[in-house]
Amino acid sequence: MKKSGASEGQSASERISKKIAELGDWRGETLSRMRKLIKEADPDVVEEWKWMGTPIWSHNGIICTGESYKNVVKLTFSRGASLKDPARLFNSSLDGNARRAIDIHEGEEVDASAFEALVRQAVALNSSGKSKPEKKAKS
């Protein structure tokens, strides 16, 4: 298995670009489009490569991860439960106390301005210094 060694020395951004190119189908196009929106929402975003090949976008902490599966591209916001989502983009991992995810299937489009607003909120939350989501009172 020389694959991991072959990519040593590449930056995280280069590895993400390579992964997008290797996907070569709608998943690569989708991940590329979402990556562009993340960078537009936060020009200071840092791209990382963790957990055996997962693209990560960070700014004072993880904003979101970008994973590709056979039938879905999943963007998981590590602190998504603390974000306001009036456009209801989050459609996966809704039961947890911290994470929320957006599953994008082939042919689906994500509202670009709503997505960028989520990214900006995540950056603001990471930059606020709050380590845990606030507990909400049960009604």
Protein backbone atom coordinates (compact mmCIF):
# COMPACT_ATOMS: atom_id res chain seq x y z
CA MET A 1 0.00 0.00 0.00
CA LYS A 2 2.13 2.80 -1.27
CA LYS A 3 -0.83 5.13 -1.76
CA SER A 4 -0.43 7.00 1.52
CA GLY A 5 3.31 7.36 1.07
CA ALA A 6 2.82 8.68 -2.44
CA SER A 7 0.91 11.66 -1.13
CA GLU A 8 3.36 12.52 1.66
CA GLY A 9 4.89 15.89 1.05
CA GLN A 10 1.73 17.24 -0.55
CA SER A 11 -0.14 20.03 1.17
CA ALA A 12 -3.64 19.39 2.45
CA SER A 13 -5.00 21.59 -0.34
CA GLU A 14 -3.16 19.51 -2.94
CA ARG A 15 -4.51 16.31 -1.40
CA ILE A 16 -8.07 17.66 -1.45
CA SER A 17 -7.68 18.71 -5.09
CA LYS A 18 -6.33 15.26 -5.91
CA LYS A 19 -9.25 13.55 -4.15
CA ILE A 20 -11.74 15.70 -6.05
CA ALA A 21 -10.04 14.81 -9.35
CA GLU A 22 -9.93 11.11 -8.47
CA LEU A 23 -13.67 11.05 -7.77
CA GLY A 24 -14.18 12.20 -11.35
CA ASP A 25 -17.98 12.23 -11.21
CA TRP A 26 -20.82 14.23 -9.67
CA ARG A 27 -19.30 13.70 -6.22
CA GLY A 28 -16.08 15.43 -7.23
CA GLU A 29 -18.03 18.27 -8.83
CA THR A 30 -20.17 18.62 -5.71
CA LEU A 31 -17.21 18.56 -3.31
CA SER A 32 -15.40 21.10 -5.51
CA ARG A 33 -18.44 23.41 -5.57
CA MET A 34 -18.87 23.21 -1.78
CA ARG A 35 -15.15 23.81 -1.26
CA LYS A 36 -15.42 26.96 -3.38
CA LEU A 37 -18.38 28.18 -1.30
CA ILE A 38 -16.46 27.55 1.94
CA LYS A 39 -13.53 29.59 0.64
CA GLU A 40 -15.84 32.39 -0.50
CA ALA A 41 -17.55 32.49 2.90
CA ASP A 42 -14.22 32.48 4.74
CA PRO A 43 -11.18 33.54 2.72
CA ASP A 44 -8.99 32.71 5.77
CA VAL A 45 -10.15 29.10 5.99
CA VAL A 46 -7.44 26.49 6.53
CA GLU A 47 -7.64 23.22 4.62
CA GLU A 48 -6.53 20.12 6.46
CA TRP A 49 -6.24 16.41 5.63
CA LYS A 50 -7.06 14.11 8.54
CA TRP A 51 -8.45 10.76 9.54
CA MET A 52 -7.07 8.68 6.68
CA GLY A 53 -8.12 10.99 3.89
CA THR A 54 -10.88 13.33 5.03
CA PRO A 55 -10.86 16.93 3.84
CA ILE A 56 -11.31 19.34 6.76
CA TRP A 57 -11.97 23.07 6.66
CA SER A 58 -10.97 24.95 9.81
CA HIS A 59 -10.78 28.43 11.27
CA ASN A 60 -10.03 28.54 15.02
CA GLY A 61 -11.38 24.98 15.08
CA ILE A 62 -13.09 22.66 12.64
CA ILE A 63 -15.82 24.22 10.53
CA CYS A 64 -16.75 21.08 8.62
CA THR A 65 -15.51 17.88 7.04
CA GLY A 66 -16.18 16.78 3.48
CA GLU A 67 -16.72 13.09 2.88
CA SER A 68 -17.76 11.30 -0.28
CA TYR A 69 -19.64 8.04 -0.35
CA LYS A 70 -21.17 6.06 -3.20
CA ASN A 71 -24.50 7.89 -3.13
CA VAL A 72 -23.83 11.04 -1.15
CA VAL A 73 -21.40 13.85 -0.42
CA LYS A 74 -21.60 14.60 3.31
CA LEU A 75 -20.55 17.89 4.87
CA THR A 76 -20.46 17.51 8.64
CA PHE A 77 -20.32 20.64 10.78
CA SER A 78 -18.64 19.69 14.05
CA ARG A 79 -20.67 22.24 16.04
CA GLY A 80 -23.70 22.32 13.77
CA ALA A 81 -26.20 21.83 16.60
CA SER A 82 -25.24 25.31 17.83
CA LEU A 83 -25.87 26.99 14.46
CA LYS A 84 -29.09 28.60 13.29
CA ASP A 85 -30.28 26.90 10.10
CA PRO A 86 -33.36 28.79 8.87
CA ALA A 87 -32.98 27.33 5.35
CA ARG A 88 -32.96 23.82 6.87
CA LEU A 89 -29.86 22.70 5.03
CA PHE A 90 -28.98 20.21 7.76
CA ASN A 91 -30.64 16.93 6.82
CA SER A 92 -28.44 14.34 8.54
CA SER A 93 -26.97 13.63 12.00
CA LEU A 94 -29.82 15.58 13.52
CA ASP A 95 -30.07 13.64 16.79
CA GLY A 96 -26.66 14.43 18.26
CA ASN A 97 -25.77 17.16 20.71
CA ALA A 98 -22.97 18.69 18.63
CA ARG A 99 -22.74 17.69 14.96
CA ARG A 100 -25.09 18.32 12.07
CA ALA A 101 -24.56 17.28 8.47
CA ILE A 102 -25.72 18.10 4.98
CA ASP A 103 -26.11 15.08 2.72
CA ILE A 104 -26.03 16.03 -0.95
CA HIS A 105 -27.24 13.43 -3.45
CA GLU A 106 -26.61 13.39 -7.19
CA GLY A 107 -28.49 16.20 -8.93
CA GLU A 108 -29.23 18.13 -5.73
CA GLU A 109 -28.25 21.75 -5.35
CA VAL A 110 -27.51 23.47 -2.04
CA ASP A 111 -28.60 27.08 -1.50
CA ALA A 112 -25.24 28.82 -1.81
CA SER A 113 -26.04 31.88 0.30
CA ALA A 114 -27.59 29.78 3.10
CA PHE A 115 -24.56 27.47 3.07
CA GLU A 116 -22.13 30.38 3.21
CA ALA A 117 -24.13 31.80 6.14
CA LEU A 118 -23.67 28.48 8.00
CA VAL A 119 -19.92 28.59 7.34
CA ARG A 120 -19.68 32.19 8.61
CA GLN A 121 -21.68 31.25 11.73
CA ALA A 122 -19.37 28.29 12.38
CA VAL A 123 -16.32 30.54 12.09
CA ALA A 124 -17.90 33.09 14.46
CA LEU A 125 -18.73 30.33 16.96
CA ASN A 126 -15.20 28.92 16.77
CA SER A 127 -13.77 32.41 17.24
CA SER A 128 -16.05 33.22 20.20
CA GLY A 129 -14.11 30.94 22.52
CA LYS A 130 -17.20 29.00 23.58
CA SER A 131 -16.07 25.41 23.96
CA LYS A 132 -19.47 23.73 24.19
CA PRO A 133 -22.90 24.43 22.77
CA GLU A 134 -25.26 26.14 25.17
CA LYS A 135 -27.88 23.84 26.65
CA LYS A 136 -31.41 24.73 25.64
CA ALA A 137 -34.24 24.54 28.14
CA LYS A 138 -36.70 21.75 27.48
CA SER A 139 -40.19 22.91 26.75
